[in-house]
């Protein structure tokens, strides 16, 4: 009966000791690291503008969700087929052998 309570007390002491002692130092370290990091960062991504209809809620209400998803998939499939055909055409355009087939 005494074994279960003793383990719990030790766990509480360990966890509270770690949390209380590490918190003030960790907070100040995070603050100083955040301040110096923002001054040292040089990366500035070049982001293009989004299409106007992305934020236009009226445009999204034109069609039900399921139809918008199906339309998106159809457009995506057509774009894939177009790109695939362009790649095949480009691969063949450098070929020099042109067979003559008698019909």
PDB file of N, CA and C in Angstrom:
ATOM      1  N   UNK A   1       0.810  -1.198   0.000  1.00  0.00           N
ATOM      2  CA  UNK A   1       0.000   0.000   0.000  1.00  0.00           C
ATOM      3  C   UNK A   1       0.845   1.251   0.000  1.00  0.00           C
ATOM      4  N   UNK A   2       2.071   1.213   0.576  1.00  0.00           N
ATOM      5  CA  UNK A   2       2.941   2.383   0.641  1.00  0.00           C
ATOM      6  C   UNK A   2       3.740   2.580  -0.626  1.00  0.00           C
ATOM      7  N   UNK A   3       3.920   1.540  -1.494  1.00  0.00           N
ATOM      8  CA  UNK A   3       4.734   1.635  -2.699  1.00  0.00           C
ATOM      9  C   UNK A   3       4.135   2.538  -3.752  1.00  0.00           C
ATOM     10  N   UNK A   4       2.826   2.562  -3.920  1.00  0.00           N
ATOM     11  CA  UNK A   4       2.184   3.360  -4.951  1.00  0.00           C
ATOM     12  C   UNK A   4       2.273   4.843  -4.660  1.00  0.00           C
ATOM     13  N   UNK A   5       2.119   5.253  -3.412  1.00  0.00           N
ATOM     14  CA  UNK A   5       2.150   6.661  -3.061  1.00  0.00           C
ATOM     15  C   UNK A   5       3.553   7.232  -3.116  1.00  0.00           C
ATOM     16  N   UNK A   6       4.566   6.434  -2.809  1.00  0.00           N
ATOM     17  CA  UNK A   6       5.949   6.922  -2.788  1.00  0.00           C
ATOM     18  C   UNK A   6       6.442   7.257  -4.173  1.00  0.00           C
ATOM     19  N   UNK A   7       6.093   6.443  -5.159  1.00  0.00           N
ATOM     20  CA  UNK A   7       6.521   6.700  -6.534  1.00  0.00           C
ATOM     21  C   UNK A   7       5.900   7.968  -7.076  1.00  0.00           C
ATOM     22  N   UNK A   8       4.661   8.219  -6.744  1.00  0.00           N
ATOM     23  CA  UNK A   8       3.967   9.408  -7.206  1.00  0.00           C
ATOM     24  C   UNK A   8       4.589  10.674  -6.641  1.00  0.00           C
ATOM     25  N   UNK A   9       4.984  10.630  -5.378  1.00  0.00           N
ATOM     26  CA  UNK A   9       5.614  11.798  -4.753  1.00  0.00           C
ATOM     27  C   UNK A   9       6.944  12.110  -5.419  1.00  0.00           C
ATOM     28  N   UNK A  10       7.712  11.068  -5.734  1.00  0.00           N
ATOM     29  CA  UNK A  10       9.016  11.272  -6.373  1.00  0.00           C
ATOM     30  C   UNK A  10       8.840  11.866  -7.762  1.00  0.00           C
ATOM     31  N   UNK A  11       7.814  11.390  -8.498  1.00  0.00           N
ATOM     32  CA  UNK A  11       7.544  11.930  -9.831  1.00  0.00           C
ATOM     33  C   UNK A  11       7.154  13.396  -9.747  1.00  0.00           C
ATOM     34  N   UNK A  12       6.315  13.729  -8.752  1.00  0.00           N
ATOM     35  CA  UNK A  12       5.902  15.121  -8.599  1.00  0.00           C
ATOM     36  C   UNK A  12       7.091  16.007  -8.272  1.00  0.00           C
ATOM     37  N   UNK A  13       7.970  15.530  -7.400  1.00  0.00           N
ATOM     38  CA  UNK A  13       9.142  16.322  -7.032  1.00  0.00           C
ATOM     39  C   UNK A  13      10.046  16.549  -8.238  1.00  0.00           C
ATOM     40  N   UNK A  14      10.261  15.494  -9.029  1.00  0.00           N
ATOM     41  CA  UNK A  14      11.119  15.629 -10.206  1.00  0.00           C
ATOM     42  C   UNK A  14      10.525  16.604 -11.217  1.00  0.00           C
ATOM     43  N   UNK A  15       9.246  16.449 -11.521  1.00  0.00           N
ATOM     44  CA  UNK A  15       8.648  17.295 -12.548  1.00  0.00           C
ATOM     45  C   UNK A  15       8.550  18.738 -12.082  1.00  0.00           C
ATOM     46  N   UNK A  16       8.202  18.976 -10.807  1.00  0.00           N
ATOM     47  CA  UNK A  16       8.099  20.354 -10.349  1.00  0.00           C
ATOM     48  C   UNK A  16       9.480  20.978 -10.236  1.00  0.00           C
ATOM     49  N   UNK A  17      10.482  20.200  -9.882  1.00  0.00           N
ATOM     50  CA  UNK A  17      11.843  20.722  -9.774  1.00  0.00           C
ATOM     51  C   UNK A  17      12.371  21.137 -11.132  1.00  0.00           C
ATOM     52  N   UNK A  18      12.088  20.335 -12.132  1.00  0.00           N
ATOM     53  CA  UNK A  18      12.555  20.652 -13.479  1.00  0.00           C
ATOM     54  C   UNK A  18      11.852  21.883 -14.037  1.00  0.00           C
ATOM     55  N   UNK A  19      10.549  21.921 -13.908  1.00  0.00           N
ATOM     56  CA  UNK A  19       9.760  23.012 -14.466  1.00  0.00           C
ATOM     57  C   UNK A  19      10.069  24.344 -13.802  1.00  0.00           C
ATOM     58  N   UNK A  20      10.182  24.377 -12.457  1.00  0.00           N
ATOM     59  CA  UNK A  20      10.412  25.630 -11.751  1.00  0.00           C
ATOM     60  C   UNK A  20      11.805  26.177 -12.001  1.00  0.00           C
ATOM     61  N   UNK A  21      12.810  25.314 -12.005  1.00  0.00           N
ATOM     62  CA  UNK A  21      14.186  25.779 -12.142  1.00  0.00           C
ATOM     63  C   UNK A  21      14.506  26.167 -13.586  1.00  0.00           C
ATOM     64  N   UNK A  22      13.948  25.454 -14.545  1.00  0.00           N
ATOM     65  CA  UNK A  22      14.310  25.693 -15.940  1.00  0.00           C
ATOM     66  C   UNK A  22      13.512  26.838 -16.564  1.00  0.00           C
ATOM     67  N   UNK A  23      12.350  27.146 -16.028  1.00  0.00           N
ATOM     68  CA  UNK A  23      11.480  28.122 -16.669  1.00  0.00           C
ATOM     69  C   UNK A  23      12.096  29.518 -16.783  1.00  0.00           C
ATOM     70  N   UNK A  24      12.632  30.126 -15.713  1.00  0.00           N
ATOM     71  CA  UNK A  24      13.162  31.487 -15.865  1.00  0.00           C
ATOM     72  C   UNK A  24      14.334  31.560 -16.837  1.00  0.00           C
ATOM     73  N   UNK A  25      15.239  30.625 -16.777  1.00  0.00           N
ATOM     74  CA  UNK A  25      16.395  30.622 -17.673  1.00  0.00           C
ATOM     75  C   UNK A  25      15.993  30.368 -19.108  1.00  0.00           C
ATOM     76  N   UNK A  26      15.047  29.460 -19.297  1.00  0.00           N
ATOM     77  CA  UNK A  26      14.593  29.117 -20.644  1.00  0.00           C
ATOM     78  C   UNK A  26      13.876  30.300 -21.278  1.00  0.00           C
ATOM     79  N   UNK A  27      13.079  31.015 -20.489  1.00  0.00           N
ATOM     80  CA  UNK A  27      12.361  32.164 -21.038  1.00  0.00           C
ATOM     81  C   UNK A  27      13.322  33.252 -21.496  1.00  0.00           C
ATOM     82  N   UNK A  28      14.299  33.563 -20.680  1.00  0.00           N
ATOM     83  CA  UNK A  28      15.236  34.626 -21.065  1.00  0.00           C
ATOM     84  C   UNK A  28      16.087  34.197 -22.251  1.00  0.00           C
ATOM     85  N   UNK A  29      16.434  32.918 -22.311  1.00  0.00           N
ATOM     86  CA  UNK A  29      17.219  32.424 -23.447  1.00  0.00           C
ATOM     87  C   UNK A  29      16.404  32.508 -24.732  1.00  0.00           C
ATOM     88  N   UNK A  30      15.096  32.162 -24.634  1.00  0.00           N
ATOM     89  CA  UNK A  30      14.238  32.240 -25.814  1.00  0.00           C
ATOM     90  C   UNK A  30      14.075  33.680 -26.277  1.00  0.00           C
ATOM     91  N   UNK A  31      13.912  34.612 -25.337  1.00  0.00           N
ATOM     92  CA  UNK A  31      13.753  36.021 -25.698  1.00  0.00           C
ATOM     93  C   UNK A  31      15.000  36.562 -26.376  1.00  0.00           C
ATOM     94  N   UNK A  32      16.156  36.257 -25.827  1.00  0.00           N
ATOM     95  CA  UNK A  32      17.384  36.775 -26.432  1.00  0.00           C
ATOM     96  C   UNK A  32      17.640  36.117 -27.785  1.00  0.00           C
ATOM     97  N   UNK A  33      17.317  34.834 -27.908  1.00  0.00           N
ATOM     98  CA  UNK A  33      17.501  34.147 -29.188  1.00  0.00           C
ATOM     99  C   UNK A  33      16.547  34.706 -30.235  1.00  0.00           C
ATOM    100  N   UNK A  34      15.321  35.001 -29.850  1.00  0.00           N
ATOM    101  CA  UNK A  34      14.348  35.539 -30.802  1.00  0.00           C
ATOM    102  C   UNK A  34      14.765  36.923 -31.265  1.00  0.00           C
ATOM    103  N   UNK A  35      15.289  37.732 -30.382  1.00  0.00           N
ATOM    104  CA  UNK A  35      15.718  39.077 -30.749  1.00  0.00           C
ATOM    105  C   UNK A  35      16.903  39.060 -31.682  1.00  0.00           C
ATOM    106  N   UNK A  36      17.878  38.223 -31.401  1.00  0.00           N
ATOM    107  CA  UNK A  36      19.070  38.186 -32.249  1.00  0.00           C
ATOM    108  C   UNK A  36      18.786  37.503 -33.579  1.00  0.00           C
ATOM    109  N   UNK A  37      17.876  36.540 -33.601  1.00  0.00           N
ATOM    110  CA  UNK A  37      17.556  35.832 -34.835  1.00  0.00           C
ATOM    111  C   UNK A  37      16.912  36.766 -35.845  1.00  0.00           C
ATOM    112  N   UNK A  38      15.991  37.603 -35.404  1.00  0.00           N
ATOM    113  CA  UNK A  38      15.312  38.488 -36.344  1.00  0.00           C
ATOM    114  C   UNK A  38      16.284  39.496 -36.946  1.00  0.00           C
ATOM    115  N   UNK A  39      17.314  39.886 -36.217  1.00  0.00           N
ATOM    116  CA  UNK A  39      18.312  40.817 -36.751  1.00  0.00           C
ATOM    117  C   UNK A  39      19.252  40.121 -37.729  1.00  0.00           C
ATOM    118  N   UNK A  40      19.502  38.814 -37.523  1.00  0.00           N
ATOM    119  CA  UNK A  40      20.451  38.074 -38.340  1.00  0.00           C
ATOM    120  C   UNK A  40      19.826  37.510 -39.616  1.00  0.00           C
ATOM    121  N   UNK A  41      18.513  37.379 -39.666  1.00  0.00           N
ATOM    122  CA  UNK A  41      17.855  36.773 -40.825  1.00  0.00           C
ATOM    123  C   UNK A  41      17.992  37.675 -42.047  1.00  0.00           C
ATOM    124  N   UNK A  42      18.436  37.080 -43.150  1.00  0.00           N
ATOM    125  CA  UNK A  42      18.592  37.830 -44.391  1.00  0.00           C
ATOM    126  C   UNK A  42      17.689  37.291 -45.489  1.00  0.00           C
ATOM    127  N   UNK A  43      17.076  36.149 -45.256  1.00  0.00           N
ATOM    128  CA  UNK A  43      16.229  35.527 -46.273  1.00  0.00           C
ATOM    129  C   UNK A  43      14.930  36.308 -46.411  1.00  0.00           C
ATOM    130  N   UNK A  44      14.637  36.755 -47.615  1.00  0.00           N
ATOM    131  CA  UNK A  44      13.397  37.466 -47.897  1.00  0.00           C
ATOM    132  C   UNK A  44      12.784  36.841 -49.154  1.00  0.00           C
ATOM    133  N   UNK A  45      11.815  35.925 -48.988  1.00  0.00           N
ATOM    134  CA  UNK A  45      11.245  35.240 -50.155  1.00  0.00           C
ATOM    135  C   UNK A  45      10.498  36.195 -51.061  1.00  0.00           C
ATOM    136  N   UNK A  46      10.567  35.930 -52.360  1.00  0.00           N
ATOM    137  CA  UNK A  46       9.835  36.718 -53.342  1.00  0.00           C
ATOM    138  C   UNK A  46       8.518  35.994 -53.603  1.00  0.00           C
ATOM    139  N   UNK A  47       7.434  36.592 -53.164  1.00  0.00           N
ATOM    140  CA  UNK A  47       6.123  35.969 -53.270  1.00  0.00           C
ATOM    141  C   UNK A  47       5.278  36.772 -54.236  1.00  0.00           C
ATOM    142  N   UNK A  48       4.707  36.094 -55.212  1.00  0.00           N
ATOM    143  CA  UNK A  48       3.862  36.758 -56.195  1.00  0.00           C
ATOM    144  C   UNK A  48       2.477  37.029 -55.640  1.00  0.00           C
ATOM    145  N   UNK A  49       1.737  37.856 -56.343  1.00  0.00           N
ATOM    146  CA  UNK A  49       0.368  38.169 -55.928  1.00  0.00           C
ATOM    147  C   UNK A  49      -0.544  36.987 -56.223  1.00  0.00           C
ATOM    148  N   UNK A  50      -1.526  36.801 -55.360  1.00  0.00           N
ATOM    149  CA  UNK A  50      -2.517  35.760 -55.570  1.00  0.00           C
ATOM    150  C   UNK A  50      -3.589  36.266 -56.527  1.00  0.00           C
ATOM    151  N   UNK A  51      -4.231  35.368 -57.251  1.00  0.00           N
ATOM    152  CA  UNK A  51      -5.330  35.796 -58.128  1.00  0.00           C
ATOM    153  C   UNK A  51      -6.424  36.476 -57.305  1.00  0.00           C
ATOM    154  N   UNK A  52      -7.106  37.419 -57.918  1.00  0.00           N
ATOM    155  CA  UNK A  52      -8.114  38.213 -57.223  1.00  0.00           C
ATOM    156  C   UNK A  52      -9.252  37.351 -56.676  1.00  0.00           C
ATOM    157  N   UNK A  53      -9.618  36.267 -57.386  1.00  0.00           N
ATOM    158  CA  UNK A  53     -10.762  35.481 -56.955  1.00  0.00           C
ATOM    159  C   UNK A  53     -10.467  34.621 -55.724  1.00  0.00           C
ATOM    160  N   UNK A  54      -9.214  34.511 -55.281  1.00  0.00           N
ATOM    161  CA  UNK A  54      -8.909  33.724 -54.086  1.00  0.00           C
ATOM    162  C   UNK A  54      -9.632  34.276 -52.864  1.00  0.00           C
ATOM    163  N   UNK A  55      -9.704  35.577 -52.761  1.00  0.00           N
ATOM    164  CA  UNK A  55     -10.339  36.164 -51.594  1.00  0.00           C
ATOM    165  C   UNK A  55     -11.777  36.544 -51.813  1.00  0.00           C
ATOM    166  N   UNK A  56     -12.300  36.349 -53.010  1.00  0.00           N
ATOM    167  CA  UNK A  56     -13.643  36.767 -53.351  1.00  0.00           C
ATOM    168  C   UNK A  56     -14.641  35.685 -52.966  1.00  0.00           C
ATOM    169  N   UNK A  57     -15.343  35.892 -51.856  1.00  0.00           N
ATOM    170  CA  UNK A  57     -16.293  34.891 -51.372  1.00  0.00           C
ATOM    171  C   UNK A  57     -17.461  34.700 -52.332  1.00  0.00           C
ATOM    172  N   UNK A  58     -17.873  35.735 -53.028  1.00  0.00           N
ATOM    173  CA  UNK A  58     -18.994  35.620 -53.960  1.00  0.00           C
ATOM    174  C   UNK A  58     -18.691  34.600 -55.051  1.00  0.00           C
ATOM    175  N   UNK A  59     -17.451  34.548 -55.505  1.00  0.00           N
ATOM    176  CA  UNK A  59     -17.059  33.596 -56.544  1.00  0.00           C
ATOM    177  C   UNK A  59     -17.194  32.161 -56.039  1.00  0.00           C
ATOM    178  N   UNK A  60     -16.885  31.930 -54.777  1.00  0.00           N
ATOM    179  CA  UNK A  60     -16.951  30.579 -54.228  1.00  0.00           C
ATOM    180  C   UNK A  60     -18.387  30.113 -54.035  1.00  0.00           C
ATOM    181  N   UNK A  61     -19.309  31.028 -53.882  1.00  0.00           N
ATOM    182  CA  UNK A  61     -20.700  30.656 -53.643  1.00  0.00           C
ATOM    183  C   UNK A  61     -21.449  30.322 -54.930  1.00  0.00           C
ATOM    184  N   UNK A  62     -20.821  30.518 -56.078  1.00  0.00           N
ATOM    185  CA  UNK A  62     -21.491  30.236 -57.349  1.00  0.00           C
ATOM    186  C   UNK A  62     -21.853  28.763 -57.489  1.00  0.00           C
ATOM    187  N   UNK A  63     -20.965  27.890 -57.100  1.00  0.00           N
ATOM    188  CA  UNK A  63     -21.173  26.453 -57.259  1.00  0.00           C
ATOM    189  C   UNK A  63     -21.069  25.757 -55.905  1.00  0.00           C
ATOM    190  N   UNK A  64     -21.789  24.662 -55.729  1.00  0.00           N
ATOM    191  CA  UNK A  64     -21.614  23.861 -54.513  1.00  0.00           C
ATOM    192  C   UNK A  64     -20.212  23.274 -54.456  1.00  0.00           C
ATOM    193  N   UNK A  65     -19.781  22.950 -53.254  1.00  0.00           N
ATOM    194  CA  UNK A  65     -18.429  22.448 -53.042  1.00  0.00           C
ATOM    195  C   UNK A  65     -18.097  21.268 -53.943  1.00  0.00           C
ATOM    196  N   UNK A  66     -18.995  20.284 -54.020  1.00  0.00           N
ATOM    197  CA  UNK A  66     -18.727  19.076 -54.815  1.00  0.00           C
ATOM    198  C   UNK A  66     -18.479  19.422 -56.278  1.00  0.00           C
ATOM    199  N   UNK A  67     -19.264  20.358 -56.813  1.00  0.00           N
ATOM    200  CA  UNK A  67     -19.082  20.744 -58.212  1.00  0.00           C
ATOM    201  C   UNK A  67     -17.769  21.501 -58.407  1.00  0.00           C
ATOM    202  N   UNK A  68     -17.397  22.348 -57.428  1.00  0.00           N
ATOM    203  CA  UNK A  68     -16.116  23.056 -57.530  1.00  0.00           C
ATOM    204  C   UNK A  68     -14.956  22.074 -57.527  1.00  0.00           C
ATOM    205  N   UNK A  69     -15.047  21.038 -56.696  1.00  0.00           N
ATOM    206  CA  UNK A  69     -13.987  20.027 -56.636  1.00  0.00           C
ATOM    207  C   UNK A  69     -13.903  19.262 -57.952  1.00  0.00           C
ATOM    208  N   UNK A  70     -15.058  18.897 -58.504  1.00  0.00           N
ATOM    209  CA  UNK A  70     -15.068  18.157 -59.767  1.00  0.00           C
ATOM    210  C   UNK A  70     -14.526  19.030 -60.904  1.00  0.00           C
ATOM    211  N   UNK A  71     -14.885  20.299 -60.903  1.00  0.00           N
ATOM    212  CA  UNK A  71     -14.384  21.225 -61.918  1.00  0.00           C
ATOM    213  C   UNK A  71     -12.877  21.382 -61.785  1.00  0.00           C
ATOM    214  N   UNK A  72     -12.401  21.537 -60.549  1.00  0.00           N
ATOM    215  CA  UNK A  72     -10.959  21.657 -60.304  1.00  0.00           C
ATOM    216  C   UNK A  72     -10.229  20.420 -60.832  1.00  0.00           C
ATOM    217  N   UNK A  73     -10.774  19.227 -60.548  1.00  0.00           N
ATOM    218  CA  UNK A  73     -10.139  17.987 -61.005  1.00  0.00           C
ATOM    219  C   UNK A  73     -10.130  17.912 -62.524  1.00  0.00           C
ATOM    220  N   UNK A  74     -11.225  18.306 -63.159  1.00  0.00           N
ATOM    221  CA  UNK A  74     -11.296  18.281 -64.615  1.00  0.00           C
ATOM    222  C   UNK A  74     -10.246  19.220 -65.215  1.00  0.00           C
ATOM    223  N   UNK A  75     -10.122  20.431 -64.672  1.00  0.00           N
ATOM    224  CA  UNK A  75      -9.122  21.373 -65.170  1.00  0.00           C
ATOM    225  C   UNK A  75      -7.708  20.852 -64.946  1.00  0.00           C
ATOM    226  N   UNK A  76      -7.505  20.226 -63.812  1.00  0.00           N
ATOM    227  CA  UNK A  76      -6.193  19.657 -63.492  1.00  0.00           C
ATOM    228  C   UNK A  76      -5.844  18.540 -64.468  1.00  0.00           C
ATOM    229  N   UNK A  77      -6.811  17.672 -64.764  1.00  0.00           N
ATOM    230  CA  UNK A  77      -6.587  16.571 -65.706  1.00  0.00           C
ATOM    231  C   UNK A  77      -6.281  17.098 -67.111  1.00  0.00           C
ATOM    232  N   UNK A  78      -7.025  18.116 -67.534  1.00  0.00           N
ATOM    233  CA  UNK A  78      -6.781  18.703 -68.863  1.00  0.00           C
ATOM    234  C   UNK A  78      -5.386  19.315 -68.940  1.00  0.00           C
ATOM    235  N   UNK A  79      -4.971  19.993 -67.889  1.00  0.00           N
ATOM    236  CA  UNK A  79      -3.629  20.591 -67.847  1.00  0.00           C
ATOM    237  C   UNK A  79      -2.561  19.498 -67.907  1.00  0.00           C
ATOM    238  N   UNK A  80      -2.787  18.398 -67.184  1.00  0.00           N
ATOM    239  CA  UNK A  80      -1.845  17.278 -67.206  1.00  0.00           C
ATOM    240  C   UNK A  80      -1.720  16.696 -68.615  1.00  0.00           C
ATOM    241  N   UNK A  81      -2.856  16.484 -69.270  1.00  0.00           N
ATOM    242  CA  UNK A  81      -2.838  15.924 -70.626  1.00  0.00           C
ATOM    243  C   UNK A  81      -2.131  16.865 -71.599  1.00  0.00           C
ATOM    244  N   UNK A  82      -2.381  18.162 -71.468  1.00  0.00           N
ATOM    245  CA  UNK A  82      -1.744  19.147 -72.339  1.00  0.00           C
ATOM    246  C   UNK A  82      -0.222  19.139 -72.144  1.00  0.00           C
ATOM    247  N   UNK A  83       0.208  19.114 -70.896  1.00  0.00           N
ATOM    248  CA  UNK A  83       1.657  19.092 -70.623  1.00  0.00           C
ATOM    249  C   UNK A  83       2.290  17.795 -71.104  1.00  0.00           C
ATOM    250  N   UNK A  84       1.601  16.703 -70.906  1.00  0.00           N
ATOM    251  CA  UNK A  84       2.110  15.395 -71.337  1.00  0.00           C
ATOM    252  C   UNK A  84       2.280  15.367 -72.864  1.00  0.00           C
ATOM    253  N   UNK A  85       1.300  15.878 -73.595  1.00  0.00           N
ATOM    254  CA  UNK A  85       1.374  15.913 -75.060  1.00  0.00           C
ATOM    255  C   UNK A  85       2.523  16.821 -75.509  1.00  0.00           C
ATOM    256  N   UNK A  86       2.713  17.946 -74.824  1.00  0.00           N
ATOM    257  CA  UNK A  86       3.805  18.863 -75.170  1.00  0.00           C
ATOM    258  C   UNK A  86       5.157  18.203 -74.926  1.00  0.00           C
ATOM    259  N   UNK A  87       5.278  17.440 -73.835  1.00  0.00           N
ATOM    260  CA  UNK A  87       6.535  16.732 -73.548  1.00  0.00           C
ATOM    261  C   UNK A  87       6.819  15.671 -74.607  1.00  0.00           C
ATOM    262  N   UNK A  88       5.799  14.927 -75.008  1.00  0.00           N
ATOM    263  CA  UNK A  88       5.978  13.893 -76.031  1.00  0.00           C
ATOM    264  C   UNK A  88       6.377  14.525 -77.363  1.00  0.00           C
ATOM    265  N   UNK A  89       5.739  15.628 -77.692  1.00  0.00           N
ATOM    266  CA  UNK A  89       6.056  16.324 -78.942  1.00  0.00           C
ATOM    267  C   UNK A  89       7.495  16.839 -78.922  1.00  0.00           C
ATOM    268  N   UNK A  90       7.911  17.359 -77.797  1.00  0.00           N
ATOM    269  CA  UNK A  90       9.277  17.880 -77.679  1.00  0.00           C
ATOM    270  C   UNK A  90      10.299  16.741 -77.783  1.00  0.00           C
ATOM    271  N   UNK A  91       9.981  15.590 -77.216  1.00  0.00           N
ATOM    272  CA  UNK A  91      10.892  14.446 -77.268  1.00  0.00           C
ATOM    273  C   UNK A  91      11.067  13.940 -78.690  1.00  0.00           C
ATOM    274  N   UNK A  92      10.052  14.052 -79.513  1.00  0.00           N
ATOM    275  CA  UNK A  92      10.080  13.528 -80.876  1.00  0.00           C
ATOM    276  C   UNK A  92      10.640  14.553 -81.869  1.00  0.00           C
ATOM    277  N   UNK A  93      10.600  15.826 -81.560  1.00  0.00           N
ATOM    278  CA  UNK A  93      10.988  16.842 -82.546  1.00  0.00           C
ATOM    279  C   UNK A  93      12.468  16.774 -82.946  1.00  0.00           C
ATOM    280  N   UNK A  94      13.327  16.227 -82.105  1.00  0.00           N
ATOM    281  CA  UNK A  94      14.749  16.118 -82.448  1.00  0.00           C
ATOM    282  C   UNK A  94      15.084  14.842 -83.217  1.00  0.00           C
ATOM    283  N   UNK A  95      14.125  13.990 -83.395  1.00  0.00           N
ATOM    284  CA  UNK A  95      14.365  12.742 -84.119  1.00  0.00           C
ATOM    285  C   UNK A  95      14.592  13.042 -85.610  1.00  0.00           C
ATOM    286  N   UNK A  96      15.585  12.374 -86.191  1.00  0.00           N
ATOM    287  CA  UNK A  96      15.903  12.603 -87.604  1.00  0.00           C
ATOM    288  C   UNK A  96      15.319  11.515 -88.497  1.00  0.00           C
ATOM    289  N   UNK A  97      15.023  10.349 -87.975  1.00  0.00           N
ATOM    290  CA  UNK A  97      14.496   9.252 -88.771  1.00  0.00           C
ATOM    291  C   UNK A  97      13.011   9.474 -89.025  1.00  0.00           C
ATOM    292  N   UNK A  98      12.633   9.524 -90.294  1.00  0.00           N
ATOM    293  CA  UNK A  98      11.238   9.695 -90.657  1.00  0.00           C
ATOM    294  C   UNK A  98      10.884   8.599 -91.668  1.00  0.00           C
ATOM    295  N   UNK A  99      10.262   7.522 -91.190  1.00  0.00           N
ATOM    296  CA  UNK A  99       9.957   6.420 -92.104  1.00  0.00           C
ATOM    297  C   UNK A  99       8.859   6.772 -93.094  1.00  0.00           C
ATOM    298  N   UNK A 100       8.964   6.209 -94.297  1.00  0.00           N
ATOM    299  CA  UNK A 100       7.930   6.402 -95.327  1.00  0.00           C
ATOM    300  C   UNK A 100       7.103   5.122 -95.370  1.00  0.00           C
ATOM    301  N   UNK A 101       5.855   5.284 -95.074  1.00  0.00           N
ATOM    302  CA  UNK A 101       4.957   4.130 -95.014  1.00  0.00           C
ATOM    303  C   UNK A 101       4.069   4.133 -96.243  1.00  0.00           C
ATOM    304  N   UNK A 102       4.068   3.006 -96.987  1.00  0.00           N
ATOM    305  CA  UNK A 102       3.212   2.861 -98.171  1.00  0.00           C
ATOM    306  C   UNK A 102       1.834   2.418 -97.761  1.00  0.00           C
ATOM    307  N   UNK A 103       0.841   3.080 -98.289  1.00  0.00           N
ATOM    308  CA  UNK A 103      -0.526   2.698 -97.941  1.00  0.00           C
ATOM    309  C   UNK A 103      -1.222   2.094 -99.108  1.00  0.00           C
TER     310      UNK A 103
END
